[in-house]
C-alpha cells in the first residue's frame, strides 16, 4: 500500500509541470479571445473557485450518512451562505467596476441550480439574511426571481453571441419558479416576481432564437434534444404566464416593452410551439389589456361630458331645451344647490368689487389780484341818447 502511494506521488510530481504548462497555455489562448480584461478574468476565476468549493460542500452534505449529525449541521450553515456569498462578491465587483458577463453567467447558473432544486431551499433562505440592512425582505420566490432576472440581463455580452449553454437550466428554473412541484399548479406566492419571470423568459426566448438561427455546424451551445427540452419548458412557462396575466399579477414595464419589440423581430426564428405560445401571450397580454382600459376610460369621459352639456342646456340649467335631465326627485336639491352657488358668487363679486372714485377737476393753485378782476363800467345807453 505504501509503495503504491509513493509511486502515485512520483507520477503526480512528474506530470504536474507538464499539466501546469498546458493549462497556462490553454488559458492564455482562451483569454485572448475574450472581451474581458485580465483583472476581470482573475476576479471571475476567484469567484468560480469559491462557487465550485461551495457546490462541492453542498453535494457532500447530501452524500453524508444519516448518523453524521454534526457534519451535516455545519454543512447546512455553509449551504445557507452559498448564494449570499456569491451575490455579495458580484455586488462588490460591480461597485469596483470589475463586473463582466462571465461573472454574471456564473451567478446565473448557481441561482438557476437552486431554483431548479428548491426555490425555497436553504441557500435561497440565506438571501433574506440582513447582510445588506434590508429590514423588509421579499418573499423567497420573489427574491429568487429578482436575482435571476438581474443575472440574466448582465449575462448578455455586448459584441458576441448570448450564452445559449445556460438555456437548459434557465428554462427549468423558470418552470420551477412559476409552478408548484408535483402539482404543476401556478405558484401563488410569486406576486410581483411574475414581471421579473416574464422578462427573464423573454430574454431566454431571444437567446433561443439566436441559437436556432445559427448554422448547424456553428452551433456548439445546444444539442437537438436540448433544443426540444428548452422549447417545451419555455412554452410551458409562457402558458403559465398567460394565466397569471389574466389574474392581473403582471404589470408591464419599460423593460418589458423593449423586450417585446425584440421578440417581435425574432419570433419567426423560433420553433413552432414556442412561437405560438409567445404570440398567444402577447395577443392577450398586459399591453393590450392596458389599451382596453384606456379606451374604456375615454368612452366614459366623453359620456360624462355629453350628459353635463345636455343637463346644462335643459331646464335644469340655462333653459334652452324644454325638458329635464335631472330626475324629478333630485330637481329641487339641484336647484337649491345652484342657487346657493349663484348667491355665493354674487357675494364674492360684491365683496371684491372696486368702489367708484369721484374724479375732481383740477383747481388752479393761485388767486389773481383784485385789480385785475375789476370790471369797468361802460356808457349806459338809455333811450335815444347816452345817459
Foldseek 3Di string as FASTA:
>chain_A
DVVVVVVVVVVCVVCVVVVVVVVVVVVVVVVVPDPADPVLVVLLVVLVVLLVVLVVLVVVLVVDDPVPDVSNVVNLVSLLCNLVVLVVSQVVCVVVVSHALSSLVVSLLVLLVCLLVPLPDSNLVSVPDCPPPDPDDAPSLQVSLVSNLVSLVRNQDDPDAGQLLCLLSLLSSLQSSQAPPPVSHGDPRNFLSLQSSVLSLLSSQLSLLVLLPDDPVPRDRDDPVSNVNSLVSSLSSLVSSLVVQVVVRYDDDPSVVVSVVVCVVRLVSHDPSSSVSVVVCVVPHDVVVVVVVVVVVVVVVVVVVVLVVVQCCPPLHPHVHDDHDDDPVCSVVSNVVVVVVVVVVVVVCVVPPDDDDDDDDDDDPDDDDPVVVDDDDDWDDDDPDTD
